[in-house]
Protein backbone atom coordinates (compact mmCIF):
# COMPACT_ATOMS: atom_id res chain seq x y z
CA UNK A 1 -3.60 -13.37 -1.44
CA UNK A 2 -3.21 -10.33 0.81
CA UNK A 3 -0.58 -7.84 -0.39
CA UNK A 4 0.56 -4.90 1.68
CA UNK A 5 1.13 -1.55 -0.03
CA UNK A 6 3.89 -0.58 2.42
CA UNK A 7 7.21 -2.19 1.50
CA UNK A 8 10.85 -1.51 0.67
CA UNK A 9 13.43 -3.37 -1.42
CA UNK A 10 17.07 -2.66 -2.32
CA UNK A 11 19.42 -4.54 -4.63
CA UNK A 12 22.95 -3.88 -5.93
CA UNK A 13 24.89 -4.85 -9.04
CA UNK A 14 28.59 -4.48 -9.81
CA UNK A 15 30.59 -4.53 -13.04
CA UNK A 16 33.46 -2.84 -14.88
CA UNK A 17 31.28 0.26 -15.07
CA UNK A 18 31.04 0.53 -11.26
CA UNK A 19 28.36 -0.15 -8.63
CA UNK A 20 24.68 0.23 -9.37
CA UNK A 21 22.07 0.48 -6.60
CA UNK A 22 18.30 0.33 -6.98
CA UNK A 23 15.79 1.11 -4.23
CA UNK A 24 12.00 0.87 -4.47
CA UNK A 25 9.74 2.12 -1.70
CA UNK A 26 5.93 1.92 -1.68
CA UNK A 27 3.32 3.42 0.65
CA UNK A 28 -0.47 3.60 0.75
CA UNK A 29 -2.23 5.31 -2.13
CA UNK A 30 -5.62 4.98 -3.74
CA UNK A 31 -4.11 4.47 -7.19
CA UNK A 32 -0.72 3.47 -8.63
CA UNK A 33 1.50 6.57 -8.64
CA UNK A 34 5.15 5.87 -9.58
CA UNK A 35 8.00 8.36 -9.32
CA UNK A 36 11.58 7.90 -10.60
CA UNK A 37 15.02 9.26 -9.75
CA UNK A 38 17.43 7.84 -12.33
CA UNK A 39 20.97 8.69 -13.51
CA UNK A 40 21.01 10.89 -16.59
CA UNK A 41 22.20 8.03 -18.80
CA UNK A 42 19.17 5.94 -17.76
CA UNK A 43 16.44 8.55 -18.19
CA UNK A 44 15.05 6.92 -21.30
CA UNK A 45 14.53 3.68 -19.36
CA UNK A 46 11.79 5.27 -17.25
CA UNK A 47 8.93 4.31 -19.59
CA UNK A 48 10.12 0.71 -19.63
CA UNK A 49 10.33 0.63 -15.83
CA UNK A 50 6.92 2.28 -15.52
CA UNK A 51 5.34 -0.43 -17.67
CA UNK A 52 6.97 -3.16 -15.58
CA UNK A 53 5.52 -1.59 -12.44
CA UNK A 54 2.02 -1.61 -13.92
CA UNK A 55 2.29 -5.33 -14.60
CA UNK A 56 3.27 -6.19 -11.02
CA UNK A 57 1.55 -3.53 -8.87
CA UNK A 58 -2.00 -2.19 -8.82
CA UNK A 59 -2.02 0.41 -6.07
CA UNK A 60 0.41 2.46 -4.01
CA UNK A 61 2.70 5.47 -4.23
CA UNK A 62 5.97 4.07 -5.60
CA UNK A 63 9.37 5.80 -5.33
CA UNK A 64 12.12 4.31 -7.49
CA UNK A 65 15.70 5.47 -6.97
CA UNK A 66 18.78 4.30 -8.87
CA UNK A 67 22.39 5.39 -8.34
CA UNK A 68 25.50 4.61 -10.36
CA UNK A 69 28.91 4.93 -8.71
CA UNK A 70 31.56 4.79 -11.42
CA UNK A 71 34.59 2.52 -11.18
CA UNK A 72 37.87 3.98 -9.96
CA UNK A 73 39.77 5.52 -12.84
CA UNK A 74 43.14 3.91 -13.63
CA UNK A 75 46.19 5.79 -15.01
CA UNK A 76 45.75 4.29 -18.47
CA UNK A 77 42.13 5.49 -18.61
CA UNK A 78 43.11 9.17 -18.38
CA UNK A 79 43.64 11.19 -21.54
CA UNK A 80 45.51 14.55 -21.72
CA UNK A 81 44.36 17.03 -24.32
CA UNK A 82 47.82 18.03 -25.59
CA UNK A 83 46.58 20.81 -27.85
CA UNK A 84 44.67 22.41 -25.00
CA UNK A 85 47.71 22.09 -22.69
CA UNK A 86 49.89 23.92 -25.23
CA UNK A 87 47.25 26.61 -25.67
CA UNK A 88 46.89 27.13 -21.92
CA UNK A 89 50.66 27.23 -21.45
CA UNK A 90 51.10 29.75 -24.28
CA UNK A 91 48.33 31.94 -22.83
CA UNK A 92 49.97 31.81 -19.41
CA UNK A 93 53.35 32.81 -20.93
CA UNK A 94 51.76 35.77 -22.70
CA UNK A 95 50.25 36.98 -19.45
CA UNK A 96 53.56 36.48 -17.63
CA UNK A 97 55.35 38.70 -20.17
CA UNK A 98 52.95 41.50 -19.34
CA UNK A 99 53.08 41.20 -15.56
CA UNK A 100 55.80 42.83 -13.43
CA UNK A 101 55.99 39.87 -11.10
CA UNK A 102 54.92 36.85 -13.14
CA UNK A 103 53.91 33.70 -11.28
CA UNK A 104 55.13 30.35 -12.48
CA UNK A 105 52.38 27.99 -13.68
CA UNK A 106 52.91 24.32 -12.84
CA UNK A 107 51.58 21.09 -14.30
CA UNK A 108 48.83 20.68 -11.67
CA UNK A 109 47.49 24.13 -12.50
CA UNK A 110 47.20 23.13 -16.14
CA UNK A 111 45.64 19.75 -15.31
CA UNK A 112 42.90 21.52 -13.34
CA UNK A 113 41.92 23.49 -16.42
CA UNK A 114 38.52 22.28 -17.76
CA UNK A 115 38.91 19.85 -20.61
CA UNK A 116 42.64 19.20 -20.18
CA UNK A 117 42.21 15.86 -18.43
CA UNK A 118 39.42 13.40 -19.24
CA UNK A 119 38.68 9.74 -18.80
CA UNK A 120 38.30 7.22 -21.58
CA UNK A 121 34.61 7.23 -22.44
CA UNK A 122 33.04 3.86 -21.65
CA UNK A 123 30.32 2.18 -23.61
CA UNK A 124 27.08 2.85 -21.63
CA UNK A 125 25.44 -0.28 -23.06
CA UNK A 126 26.57 -2.79 -20.39
CA UNK A 127 25.60 -0.46 -17.54
CA UNK A 128 22.17 0.17 -19.08
CA UNK A 129 21.60 -3.54 -19.55
CA UNK A 130 22.59 -4.13 -15.93
CA UNK A 131 20.18 -1.37 -14.86
CA UNK A 132 17.28 -3.15 -16.55
CA UNK A 133 18.12 -6.49 -14.91
CA UNK A 134 18.66 -4.84 -11.54
CA UNK A 135 15.28 -3.10 -11.68
CA UNK A 136 13.51 -6.40 -12.45
CA UNK A 137 15.27 -8.08 -9.55
CA UNK A 138 14.47 -5.25 -7.14
CA UNK A 139 10.83 -5.20 -8.23
CA UNK A 140 10.56 -8.96 -7.68
CA UNK A 141 11.99 -8.53 -4.17
CA UNK A 142 9.51 -5.74 -3.48
CA UNK A 143 6.56 -7.92 -4.54
CA UNK A 144 7.75 -10.68 -2.21
CA UNK A 145 7.98 -8.21 0.69
CA UNK A 146 4.47 -6.91 -0.03
CA UNK A 147 3.12 -10.46 -0.06
CA UNK A 148 4.87 -11.40 3.19
CA UNK A 149 3.69 -8.26 4.96
CA UNK A 150 0.17 -8.75 3.63
CA UNK A 151 -0.08 -12.37 4.72
CA UNK A 152 0.84 -11.33 8.25
CA UNK A 153 -2.51 -9.54 8.34
CA UNK A 154 -4.49 -12.71 7.54
CA UNK A 155 -4.83 -13.91 11.19
CA UNK A 156 -6.14 -10.47 12.16
CA UNK A 157 -8.96 -10.72 9.61
CA UNK A 158 -9.70 -14.37 10.32
CA UNK A 159 -9.96 -13.81 14.08
CA UNK A 160 -12.30 -10.84 13.69
CA UNK A 161 -14.47 -12.54 11.10
CA UNK A 162 -14.81 -15.54 13.41
CA UNK A 163 -15.82 -13.24 16.28
CA UNK A 164 -18.42 -11.56 14.09
CA UNK A 165 -19.84 -14.93 13.03
CA UNK A 166 -20.15 -15.86 16.70
CA UNK A 167 -22.00 -12.61 17.33
CA UNK A 168 -24.47 -13.34 14.53
CA UNK A 169 -25.10 -16.83 15.94
CA UNK A 170 -25.62 -15.37 19.42
CA UNK A 171 -28.26 -12.91 18.22
CA UNK A 172 -30.07 -15.62 16.21
CA UNK A 173 -30.25 -17.77 19.32
CA UNK A 174 -31.57 -14.87 21.40
CA UNK A 175 -34.32 -13.71 19.02
CA UNK A 176 -37.05 -16.30 19.90
CA UNK A 177 -36.57 -15.57 23.59
CA UNK A 178 -36.61 -11.79 23.02
CA UNK A 179 -39.76 -11.88 20.89
CA UNK A 180 -41.52 -14.06 23.48
CA UNK A 181 -40.49 -11.60 26.19
CA UNK A 182 -41.83 -8.71 24.10
CA UNK A 183 -45.19 -10.46 23.75
CA UNK A 184 -45.33 -11.03 27.49
CA UNK A 185 -44.51 -7.38 28.16
CA UNK A 186 -47.19 -6.27 25.73
CA UNK A 187 -49.85 -8.37 27.48
CA UNK A 188 -48.79 -7.00 30.85
CA UNK A 189 -49.16 -3.42 29.58
CA UNK A 190 -52.64 -4.16 28.30
CA UNK A 191 -53.58 -5.66 31.64
CA UNK A 192 -52.10 -2.74 33.56
CA UNK A 193 -54.14 -0.37 31.44
CA UNK A 194 -57.19 -2.58 32.01
CA UNK A 195 -57.69 -2.92 28.27
CA UNK A 196 -59.71 -5.92 27.16
CA UNK A 197 -57.37 -8.40 25.52
CA UNK A 198 -58.89 -8.73 22.10
CA UNK A 199 -57.04 -11.47 20.22
CA UNK A 200 -57.03 -9.47 16.98
CA UNK A 201 -55.63 -6.39 18.72
CA UNK A 202 -52.89 -8.40 20.37
CA UNK A 203 -52.05 -10.09 17.06
CA UNK A 204 -51.80 -6.73 15.27
CA UNK A 205 -49.55 -5.29 17.96
CA UNK A 206 -47.33 -8.35 17.85
CA UNK A 207 -47.02 -8.16 14.07
CA UNK A 208 -46.02 -4.49 14.28
CA UNK A 209 -43.56 -5.24 17.05
CA UNK A 210 -42.08 -8.19 15.18
CA UNK A 211 -41.62 -6.12 12.03
CA UNK A 212 -39.92 -3.36 13.99
CA UNK A 213 -37.57 -5.66 15.85
CA UNK A 214 -37.00 -8.38 13.22
CA UNK A 215 -33.29 -8.50 12.39
CA UNK A 216 -33.28 -11.73 10.39
CA UNK A 217 -32.42 -9.91 7.16
CA UNK A 218 -29.58 -8.03 8.81
CA UNK A 219 -28.20 -11.26 10.24
CA UNK A 220 -28.45 -12.96 6.83
CA UNK A 221 -26.62 -10.10 5.14
CA UNK A 222 -23.96 -10.03 7.84
CA UNK A 223 -23.33 -13.75 7.31
CA UNK A 224 -23.16 -13.23 3.53
CA UNK A 225 -20.71 -10.33 3.85
CA UNK A 226 -18.52 -12.24 6.31
CA UNK A 227 -18.34 -15.15 3.85
CA UNK A 228 -17.57 -12.75 1.00
CA UNK A 229 -14.69 -11.17 2.91
CA UNK A 230 -13.23 -14.65 3.54
CA UNK A 231 -13.53 -15.52 -0.16
CA UNK A 232 -11.98 -12.21 -1.19
CA UNK A 233 -8.97 -12.75 1.08
CA UNK A 234 -8.26 -15.99 -0.83
CA UNK A 235 -8.19 -14.30 -4.24
CA UNK A 236 -4.84 -13.83 -5.97
CA UNK A 237 -5.54 -10.31 -7.15
CA UNK A 238 -5.75 -6.72 -5.95
CA UNK A 239 -8.45 -6.95 -3.25
CA UNK A 240 -8.07 -3.72 -1.27
CA UNK A 241 -10.91 -1.78 -2.90
CA UNK A 242 -13.34 -4.69 -2.68
CA UNK A 243 -12.50 -5.21 0.96
CA UNK A 244 -13.04 -1.51 1.61
CA UNK A 245 -16.52 -1.76 0.05
CA UNK A 246 -17.33 -4.87 2.10
CA UNK A 247 -16.28 -3.10 5.30
CA UNK A 248 -18.79 -0.37 4.51
CA UNK A 249 -21.53 -2.96 3.96
CA UNK A 250 -20.69 -4.78 7.20
CA UNK A 251 -20.77 -1.50 9.10
CA UNK A 252 -24.15 -0.59 7.60
CA UNK A 253 -25.71 -3.88 8.73
CA UNK A 254 -24.16 -3.60 12.20
CA UNK A 255 -25.64 -0.10 12.56
CA UNK A 256 -29.08 -1.35 11.52
CA UNK A 257 -28.81 -4.24 13.96
CA UNK A 258 -28.03 -1.77 16.73
CA UNK A 259 -30.93 0.54 15.82
CA UNK A 260 -33.41 -2.36 15.85
CA UNK A 261 -32.12 -3.80 19.11
CA UNK A 262 -34.72 -4.58 21.75
CA UNK A 263 -32.27 -5.95 24.27
CA UNK A 264 -28.98 -4.82 25.78
CA UNK A 265 -27.32 -8.08 24.75
CA UNK A 266 -28.08 -7.46 21.08
CA UNK A 267 -26.85 -3.89 21.39
CA UNK A 268 -23.61 -5.15 22.94
CA UNK A 269 -23.08 -7.58 20.06
CA UNK A 270 -23.72 -4.83 17.51
CA UNK A 271 -21.22 -2.50 19.22
CA UNK A 272 -18.60 -5.26 19.37
CA UNK A 273 -19.13 -5.90 15.66
CA UNK A 274 -18.57 -2.24 14.82
CA UNK A 275 -15.31 -2.28 16.78
CA UNK A 276 -14.14 -5.39 14.89
CA UNK A 277 -15.13 -3.86 11.55
CA UNK A 278 -13.22 -0.67 12.32
CA UNK A 279 -10.11 -2.67 13.24
CA UNK A 280 -10.30 -4.50 9.89
CA UNK A 281 -11.05 -1.31 7.98
CA UNK A 282 -7.87 0.33 9.30
CA UNK A 283 -5.80 -2.57 7.97
CA UNK A 284 -7.66 -2.63 4.64
CA UNK A 285 -6.25 0.84 3.91
CA UNK A 286 -2.82 -0.78 3.57
CA UNK A 287 -3.90 -3.64 1.29
CA UNK A 288 -3.33 -3.51 -2.47
């Protein structure tokens, strides 16, 4: 299965503790490189999340972000520190007795004092449990997106592999004709130079020419690599690195085919193959 490394997923969860949002974004990278931005209360969950990522993803730069928006505080969830209020009020009265023009301190001034007003501390357990479930759900969505995006690339590979196979068949069909033409050209050169056509000399020249222009091995290897790419695309695993290697091998054989070409038609096929290989190679960079 083809899996893209570029994907994005977002999921939300709500509860008495508020609204929790998880976002996971992945882009191309040679290895798996996760990064996390978690609320302070969830920092210790990072190792657990990291291990879950390793089980589902093989490659890519992964950015995980999680935000917790607390529930609206109700009046019965606020607690006034009475001792601190009395201390602040007494301190304000002492200052007022010293000042010539004392300013009256009101209730809002005291409530703004750090530590005077606080919310009822909630148990972080439910929110942490929800964070774990939300991360699993977001990761599952991300994997589905990567698979969908990857499978959209399948027709691109299949079309180009089919075109390359046609090119190999074309060159195979041309080779007998091209070799016969080379033999004819060789005989004409001998005749033009008025060299006696010794059968042994002609045979030697033809063997040397055939060895120089024989591309049967290159065509065989091209066919084998094309079949291997097709088989690799059907594997349910991380295939990006193997495909990258196969693109290099295909390109090497196409270059050799071009260098051995003895006809413009073969050269044209080799050039077309290199264009197709480059188009596939660009897409391989985004495959897990």
